[in-house]
Amino acid sequence: MHQTSGKFLWTRFNLYLLFLDRFLVIRHLQHEQAVKMKNFLGFNKLDLRINTPDDEWVFKEEPHSSRRQEILRKYPEIKRLMGYDPSIAYIVTAEVLVQILVCWMLRDANWSTIFILAYCFGGVLNHSLGSAIHEIGHNLAFGHSRPWANRLLSIWCNLPIVAPMAISYKKYHQDHHRYLGEENQDVDIPTRLESFLFRHPITKVLWLAVHPIIHAIRPFYKSPKPLTGWELINTACQMTFNGLILYFLGIKSLTYLLAGTLLALGFHPLAGHFISEHYLFHGKQATTSYYGPLNFILFNVGYHIEHHDFPYIPYNRLPEVRKIAAEYYDHPYHTSWVKVLWDFVFDSNMGPHARGVGYRKDEIKEH
């Protein structure tokens, strides 16, 4: 009797220990997930960063690295989506050739026609080519084993844009991913001067209009890097192309291309993606996606959480990431870049000062 009772108690004790072990493991995993999500949901506006002491802030890691590890542990099949897709080369080649054809057609057009088409058509194609440069900059056209092929394709995409930017963009965009939210090394974050100057609706419209120029200059001011040989090649190819267009087709054709770049990357519906991605429209969420029809034109750049989680998955496979790991993308999102621009201009809480930065020390402490 005593022996049977002892075995019973010993069995109950082991079951208790097993239950306690499982309980502690689950609590640990839940706590670990909560801490990791604190990074993704722990950004603050640049304005707060400016108006609080530096010693209240610390940058531990960019907010997507922990998410990426956790998602891959749960859904290892996502690794099969990684790779490259050379079909983008056919799309961008068609876009470049169409732009050259339109340049020929507009060589004797009146100026009003040139600027209207630059905004409504040429700028759309140039913005699409700019998004392709972003995609190719991640080596998603020909893979990491052929970087030279990706660089040459990005230079080809660059030609209708007029300003040589493909190689420099790649160089600085790497830091945007690596240091997302770090005020100085993430060069997409506006300067403190921008945050101070552009707060009224009129000045915010002005900021949006000149954003292509500011966006191009800011990296060289905030985090300058040495010039590379590929940048010189990019510049030489671009200046040669510009000279050929000017010589054979005239100033109007070159103006059509340049105006398209400046207009479509400035105050234009497509340019809403620059604002929608990392400005804090939704609490402290570091990155926000856009799910709407304009993704078709810009190579799914709107799938931005997905892209930052997995920057080595090609654009046409990003929707599959959202389907596989749906619970990780159950966050507020945008459906209209026009509304994004409207809110950015007329909401006093929005503006360059509302760009997300991380992190405040007291908000990332583990409890």
Protein backbone atom coordinates (compact mmCIF):
# COMPACT_ATOMS: atom_id res chain seq x y z
CA MET A 1 0.00 0.00 0.00
CA HIS A 2 2.73 2.42 0.99
CA GLN A 3 4.72 1.47 -2.12
CA THR A 4 1.74 2.13 -4.40
CA SER A 5 1.08 5.46 -2.71
CA GLY A 6 4.73 6.44 -3.11
CA LYS A 7 4.70 5.65 -6.84
CA PHE A 8 1.52 7.68 -7.23
CA LEU A 9 3.04 10.71 -5.51
CA TRP A 10 6.24 10.36 -7.51
CA THR A 11 4.27 10.25 -10.76
CA ARG A 12 2.27 13.32 -9.74
CA PHE A 13 5.49 15.11 -8.83
CA ASN A 14 7.04 14.34 -12.25
CA LEU A 15 3.91 15.50 -14.03
CA TYR A 16 4.03 18.71 -12.03
CA LEU A 17 7.68 19.27 -12.97
CA LEU A 18 6.88 18.59 -16.64
CA PHE A 19 3.98 21.02 -16.55
CA LEU A 20 6.12 23.66 -14.83
CA ASP A 21 8.87 23.19 -17.40
CA ARG A 22 6.47 23.60 -20.32
CA PHE A 23 4.85 26.60 -18.65
CA LEU A 24 8.21 28.33 -18.15
CA VAL A 25 9.26 27.59 -21.75
CA ILE A 26 6.03 29.06 -23.11
CA ARG A 27 6.33 32.13 -20.88
CA HIS A 28 9.94 32.58 -21.98
CA LEU A 29 8.97 32.37 -25.67
CA GLN A 30 6.09 34.79 -25.15
CA HIS A 31 8.38 37.18 -23.32
CA GLU A 32 11.04 36.85 -26.02
CA GLN A 33 8.48 37.56 -28.74
CA ALA A 34 7.15 40.58 -26.83
CA VAL A 35 10.66 42.00 -26.44
CA LYS A 36 11.36 41.53 -30.13
CA MET A 37 8.09 43.14 -31.15
CA LYS A 38 9.00 46.09 -28.93
CA ASN A 39 11.63 46.99 -31.51
CA PHE A 40 9.14 46.90 -34.39
CA LEU A 41 6.49 48.74 -32.38
CA GLY A 42 8.95 50.91 -30.44
CA PHE A 43 9.78 53.79 -32.77
CA ASN A 44 9.20 57.42 -31.90
CA LYS A 45 8.95 60.55 -34.00
CA LEU A 46 12.09 62.43 -34.94
CA ASP A 47 10.63 65.46 -33.17
CA LEU A 48 10.79 63.66 -29.81
CA ARG A 49 14.35 62.55 -30.54
CA ILE A 50 15.37 66.16 -31.16
CA ASN A 51 13.73 67.47 -28.00
CA THR A 52 15.09 64.92 -25.52
CA PRO A 53 18.66 64.37 -24.28
CA ASP A 54 20.87 62.05 -26.32
CA ASP A 55 21.58 59.83 -23.31
CA GLU A 56 17.90 58.80 -23.25
CA TRP A 57 18.34 57.01 -26.58
CA VAL A 58 20.08 53.83 -27.67
CA PHE A 59 20.15 51.95 -30.97
CA LYS A 60 20.42 48.19 -30.38
CA GLU A 61 19.39 46.69 -33.72
CA GLU A 62 17.22 47.51 -36.67
CA PRO A 63 13.61 46.51 -35.95
CA HIS A 64 13.25 43.75 -38.55
CA SER A 65 16.17 41.46 -37.72
CA SER A 66 14.46 39.75 -34.77
CA ARG A 67 11.19 39.46 -36.67
CA ARG A 68 13.04 37.80 -39.55
CA GLN A 69 14.60 35.16 -37.28
CA GLU A 70 11.32 34.42 -35.56
CA ILE A 71 9.32 34.15 -38.79
CA LEU A 72 11.87 31.81 -40.34
CA ARG A 73 11.83 29.57 -37.27
CA LYS A 74 8.08 29.24 -37.58
CA TYR A 75 7.87 29.21 -41.38
CA PRO A 76 11.14 27.83 -42.78
CA GLU A 77 9.44 27.37 -46.15
CA ILE A 78 9.84 31.12 -46.72
CA LYS A 79 13.50 30.42 -47.48
CA ARG A 80 12.36 28.85 -50.75
CA LEU A 81 11.13 32.28 -51.88
CA MET A 82 14.60 33.78 -51.60
CA GLY A 83 16.65 34.15 -54.74
CA TYR A 84 16.43 36.34 -57.82
CA ASP A 85 14.27 36.87 -60.88
CA PRO A 86 15.95 38.02 -64.12
CA SER A 87 12.59 38.69 -65.79
CA ILE A 88 12.77 42.22 -64.40
CA ALA A 89 15.44 42.92 -67.05
CA TYR A 90 12.85 42.53 -69.82
CA ILE A 91 10.42 44.89 -68.09
CA VAL A 92 12.93 47.68 -67.49
CA THR A 93 14.40 47.34 -70.98
CA ALA A 94 10.93 47.91 -72.42
CA GLU A 95 10.47 50.97 -70.17
CA VAL A 96 13.81 52.49 -71.20
CA LEU A 97 13.10 51.94 -74.90
CA VAL A 98 9.62 53.46 -74.57
CA GLN A 99 11.13 56.55 -72.95
CA ILE A 100 13.63 56.92 -75.81
CA LEU A 101 10.79 56.55 -78.33
CA VAL A 102 8.73 59.21 -76.56
CA CYS A 103 11.76 61.51 -76.55
CA TRP A 104 11.89 61.16 -80.33
CA MET A 105 8.16 61.85 -80.64
CA LEU A 106 8.38 64.98 -78.46
CA ARG A 107 11.45 66.55 -80.06
CA ASP A 108 9.29 69.27 -81.70
CA ALA A 109 6.35 69.32 -79.26
CA ASN A 110 5.20 72.46 -77.45
CA TRP A 111 6.34 73.00 -73.89
CA SER A 112 2.94 72.45 -72.29
CA THR A 113 2.69 69.02 -73.92
CA ILE A 114 6.16 68.15 -72.69
CA PHE A 115 5.43 69.00 -69.06
CA ILE A 116 1.98 67.38 -69.01
CA LEU A 117 3.36 64.15 -70.46
CA ALA A 118 6.36 64.35 -68.15
CA TYR A 119 4.06 64.38 -65.11
CA CYS A 120 1.44 61.90 -66.32
CA PHE A 121 3.50 59.42 -68.34
CA GLY A 122 7.25 59.89 -68.44
CA GLY A 123 7.48 60.50 -64.71
CA VAL A 124 5.50 57.34 -64.03
CA LEU A 125 7.96 55.30 -66.10
CA ASN A 126 10.95 57.01 -64.48
CA HIS A 127 9.57 56.34 -61.02
CA SER A 128 9.03 52.73 -62.01
CA LEU A 129 12.64 52.56 -63.17
CA GLY A 130 13.71 54.09 -59.85
CA SER A 131 11.88 51.32 -58.01
CA ALA A 132 13.57 48.80 -60.30
CA ILE A 133 16.95 50.27 -59.31
CA HIS A 134 15.93 49.63 -55.69
CA GLU A 135 15.07 46.01 -56.53
CA ILE A 136 18.24 45.46 -58.56
CA GLY A 137 20.31 47.12 -55.82
CA HIS A 138 19.49 44.09 -53.66
CA ASN A 139 20.98 41.85 -56.40
CA LEU A 140 17.51 40.48 -57.11
CA ALA A 141 17.88 40.52 -60.90
CA PHE A 142 20.88 38.23 -61.36
CA GLY A 143 21.75 37.10 -57.84
CA HIS A 144 24.66 37.77 -55.50
CA SER A 145 27.08 35.73 -57.60
CA ARG A 146 26.88 38.26 -60.46
CA PRO A 147 27.02 41.71 -58.86
CA TRP A 148 28.48 43.26 -62.02
CA ALA A 149 25.39 42.22 -64.00
CA ASN A 150 23.10 43.81 -61.43
CA ARG A 151 25.17 47.01 -61.49
CA LEU A 152 25.08 47.22 -65.31
CA LEU A 153 21.32 46.67 -65.36
CA SER A 154 20.79 49.38 -62.75
CA ILE A 155 22.90 51.80 -64.85
CA TRP A 156 20.71 50.91 -67.86
CA CYS A 157 17.59 51.68 -65.77
CA ASN A 158 19.16 54.97 -64.74
CA LEU A 159 19.46 56.40 -68.27
CA PRO A 160 16.00 58.03 -68.63
CA ILE A 161 16.23 59.42 -65.08
CA VAL A 162 18.99 61.85 -66.27
CA ALA A 163 20.76 62.17 -62.87
CA PRO A 164 23.36 59.45 -62.20
CA MET A 165 22.11 57.83 -59.01
CA ALA A 166 21.84 54.04 -59.39
CA ILE A 167 25.16 53.06 -57.82
CA SER A 168 25.16 55.73 -55.10
CA TYR A 169 21.62 54.74 -54.19
CA LYS A 170 22.64 51.13 -53.63
CA LYS A 171 25.59 52.19 -51.47
CA TYR A 172 23.48 54.26 -49.10
CA HIS A 173 20.39 52.08 -49.22
CA GLN A 174 22.33 49.26 -47.59
CA ASP A 175 22.70 51.45 -44.50
CA HIS A 176 18.98 52.20 -44.55
CA HIS A 177 18.33 48.48 -44.02
CA ARG A 178 21.20 47.90 -41.62
CA TYR A 179 20.51 50.96 -39.43
CA LEU A 180 16.80 51.59 -39.93
CA GLY A 181 15.80 54.25 -37.42
CA GLU A 182 19.32 55.34 -36.43
CA GLU A 183 19.25 59.09 -36.94
CA ASN A 184 22.64 59.60 -38.56
CA GLN A 185 23.30 56.39 -40.48
CA ASP A 186 19.81 55.92 -41.87
CA VAL A 187 20.06 58.67 -44.46
CA ASP A 188 16.36 58.44 -45.33
CA ILE A 189 15.65 60.22 -42.03
CA PRO A 190 15.27 63.97 -42.59
CA THR A 191 17.80 66.32 -41.05
CA ARG A 192 16.87 68.32 -37.96
CA LEU A 193 16.81 71.45 -40.11
CA GLU A 194 14.18 69.88 -42.37
CA SER A 195 12.19 68.93 -39.30
CA PHE A 196 12.25 72.54 -38.11
CA LEU A 197 11.59 74.34 -41.40
CA PHE A 198 8.80 72.30 -43.00
CA ARG A 199 5.85 72.18 -40.59
CA HIS A 200 3.17 74.35 -42.22
CA PRO A 201 1.01 72.86 -45.00
CA ILE A 202 2.52 75.25 -47.55
CA THR A 203 6.10 74.48 -46.55
CA LYS A 204 5.34 70.75 -46.47
CA VAL A 205 4.08 70.94 -50.06
CA LEU A 206 7.30 72.75 -50.94
CA TRP A 207 9.33 70.04 -49.19
CA LEU A 208 7.52 67.35 -51.16
CA ALA A 209 8.10 69.24 -54.42
CA VAL A 210 11.86 69.49 -53.87
CA HIS A 211 12.12 66.11 -52.17
CA PRO A 212 13.99 64.49 -55.10
CA ILE A 213 16.79 67.04 -54.70
CA ILE A 214 16.86 66.84 -50.89
CA HIS A 215 16.76 63.05 -50.99
CA ALA A 216 19.67 62.99 -53.43
CA ILE A 217 21.86 65.41 -51.46
CA ARG A 218 21.11 64.27 -47.89
CA PRO A 219 23.27 61.09 -47.87
CA PHE A 220 26.38 63.04 -48.86
CA TYR A 221 25.75 65.44 -45.99
CA LYS A 222 24.67 63.02 -43.24
CA SER A 223 26.92 60.03 -43.89
CA PRO A 224 29.44 60.69 -46.67
CA LYS A 225 31.24 57.71 -48.20
CA PRO A 226 34.19 57.52 -50.60
CA LEU A 227 33.42 57.62 -54.31
CA THR A 228 33.66 54.22 -56.03
CA GLY A 229 34.68 53.16 -59.49
CA TRP A 230 31.17 52.01 -60.28
CA GLU A 231 29.86 55.48 -59.46
CA LEU A 232 32.29 56.96 -62.00
CA ILE A 233 31.09 54.45 -64.59
CA ASN A 234 27.49 55.32 -63.75
CA THR A 235 28.22 59.04 -64.20
CA ALA A 236 30.11 58.54 -67.48
CA CYS A 237 27.32 56.42 -68.97
CA GLN A 238 24.68 58.89 -67.83
CA MET A 239 26.47 61.97 -69.17
CA THR A 240 27.03 60.20 -72.51
CA PHE A 241 23.34 59.31 -72.76
CA ASN A 242 22.26 62.84 -71.83
CA GLY A 243 24.63 64.25 -74.45
CA LEU A 244 23.27 61.94 -77.15
CA ILE A 245 19.67 62.86 -76.38
CA LEU A 246 20.55 66.55 -76.42
CA TYR A 247 22.55 66.31 -79.66
CA PHE A 248 20.18 64.16 -81.71
CA LEU A 249 16.77 65.03 -80.25
CA GLY A 250 17.22 68.45 -78.62
CA ILE A 251 16.60 70.23 -75.36
CA LYS A 252 12.89 69.46 -75.27
CA SER A 253 13.45 65.71 -75.17
CA LEU A 254 16.03 66.01 -72.41
CA THR A 255 13.70 68.34 -70.50
CA TYR A 256 10.90 65.77 -70.79
CA LEU A 257 13.08 63.17 -69.08
CA LEU A 258 14.42 65.46 -66.37
CA ALA A 259 11.02 66.99 -65.63
CA GLY A 260 9.50 63.52 -65.36
CA THR A 261 12.07 62.56 -62.75
CA LEU A 262 11.66 65.70 -60.67
CA LEU A 263 7.87 65.79 -60.88
CA ALA A 264 7.14 62.10 -60.29
CA LEU A 265 9.58 61.78 -57.41
CA GLY A 266 8.23 64.99 -55.88
CA PHE A 267 4.61 66.07 -55.44
CA HIS A 268 3.06 63.10 -57.22
CA PRO A 269 0.75 60.23 -56.14
CA LEU A 270 3.51 57.65 -56.68
CA ALA A 271 5.82 59.59 -54.36
CA GLY A 272 3.45 58.84 -51.51
CA HIS A 273 5.43 55.66 -50.94
CA PHE A 274 8.39 57.68 -49.65
CA ILE A 275 6.13 58.94 -46.85
CA SER A 276 4.04 55.85 -46.21
CA GLU A 277 6.94 53.54 -45.43
CA HIS A 278 8.52 54.81 -42.19
CA TYR A 279 6.56 57.87 -41.06
CA LEU A 280 4.55 57.25 -37.91
CA PHE A 281 0.95 57.34 -39.08
CA HIS A 282 0.12 54.33 -36.89
CA GLY A 283 1.43 54.67 -33.36
CA LYS A 284 5.04 53.52 -32.99
CA GLN A 285 5.08 51.05 -35.91
CA ALA A 286 8.53 51.24 -37.53
CA THR A 287 7.46 50.23 -41.03
CA THR A 288 4.09 50.30 -42.75
CA SER A 289 3.02 48.51 -45.91
CA TYR A 290 0.78 49.75 -48.71
CA TYR A 291 -1.59 47.29 -50.37
CA GLY A 292 -3.04 48.96 -53.42
CA PRO A 293 -3.04 49.00 -57.24
CA LEU A 294 0.03 51.21 -57.65
CA ASN A 295 2.26 48.40 -56.43
CA PHE A 296 1.97 47.04 -59.96
CA ILE A 297 3.86 50.06 -61.32
CA LEU A 298 6.52 50.23 -58.60
CA PHE A 299 7.53 46.57 -58.35
CA ASN A 300 5.60 45.93 -55.12
CA VAL A 301 7.53 48.52 -53.15
CA GLY A 302 4.39 48.90 -51.05
CA TYR A 303 4.98 45.48 -49.49
CA HIS A 304 7.42 47.27 -47.28
CA ILE A 305 7.26 45.34 -44.03
CA GLU A 306 7.69 42.18 -46.05
CA HIS A 307 10.62 43.69 -47.94
CA HIS A 308 12.46 44.80 -44.78
CA ASP A 309 11.81 41.43 -43.19
CA PHE A 310 13.20 39.63 -46.25
CA PRO A 311 15.21 41.99 -48.50
CA TYR A 312 16.49 39.06 -50.59
CA ILE A 313 13.08 37.92 -51.79
CA PRO A 314 12.16 39.32 -55.24
CA TYR A 315 9.29 41.78 -55.53
CA ASN A 316 6.88 39.34 -57.21
CA ARG A 317 7.17 36.84 -54.33
CA LEU A 318 6.56 39.29 -51.47
CA PRO A 319 2.76 38.79 -51.48
CA GLU A 320 3.43 35.09 -50.83
CA VAL A 321 5.34 36.02 -47.65
CA ARG A 322 2.26 37.79 -46.36
CA LYS A 323 0.09 34.76 -47.14
CA ILE A 324 2.40 32.27 -45.44
CA ALA A 325 3.05 34.27 -42.24
CA ALA A 326 -0.22 36.19 -42.14
CA GLU A 327 -0.24 36.82 -38.39
CA TYR A 328 3.06 38.73 -38.62
CA TYR A 329 1.54 41.18 -41.09
CA ASP A 330 -1.67 41.86 -39.23
CA HIS A 331 -0.73 45.50 -38.70
CA PRO A 332 -2.26 48.80 -39.85
CA TYR A 333 -1.49 49.49 -43.51
CA HIS A 334 -2.12 52.07 -46.23
CA THR A 335 -4.44 51.64 -49.20
CA SER A 336 -3.96 55.06 -50.83
CA TRP A 337 -0.76 57.01 -51.39
CA VAL A 338 -2.87 60.07 -52.25
CA LYS A 339 -4.42 59.94 -48.77
CA VAL A 340 -0.93 59.52 -47.31
CA LEU A 341 0.16 62.76 -48.97
CA TRP A 342 -3.04 64.55 -47.93
CA ASP A 343 -2.61 63.56 -44.28
CA PHE A 344 1.09 64.38 -44.39
CA VAL A 345 0.35 67.92 -45.58
CA PHE A 346 -2.72 68.81 -43.52
CA ASP A 347 -2.23 66.87 -40.29
CA SER A 348 -0.17 69.04 -37.93
CA ASN A 349 1.22 65.89 -36.31
CA MET A 350 2.78 64.84 -39.59
CA GLY A 351 5.69 66.26 -41.54
CA PRO A 352 9.43 65.58 -41.79
CA HIS A 353 9.47 65.69 -37.98
CA ALA A 354 7.21 62.59 -37.87
CA ARG A 355 9.75 60.19 -39.39
CA GLY A 356 10.24 57.17 -37.15
CA VAL A 357 13.47 56.74 -35.14
CA GLY A 358 14.47 54.29 -32.42
CA TYR A 359 14.80 53.74 -29.46
CA ARG A 360 14.15 55.32 -26.07
CA LYS A 361 15.97 53.40 -23.32
CA ASP A 362 13.05 53.28 -20.92
CA GLU A 363 10.78 51.83 -23.60
CA ILE A 364 12.95 48.86 -24.53
CA LYS A 365 13.86 47.61 -21.06
CA GLU A 366 13.00 43.98 -20.60
CA HIS A 367 10.52 43.33 -17.83
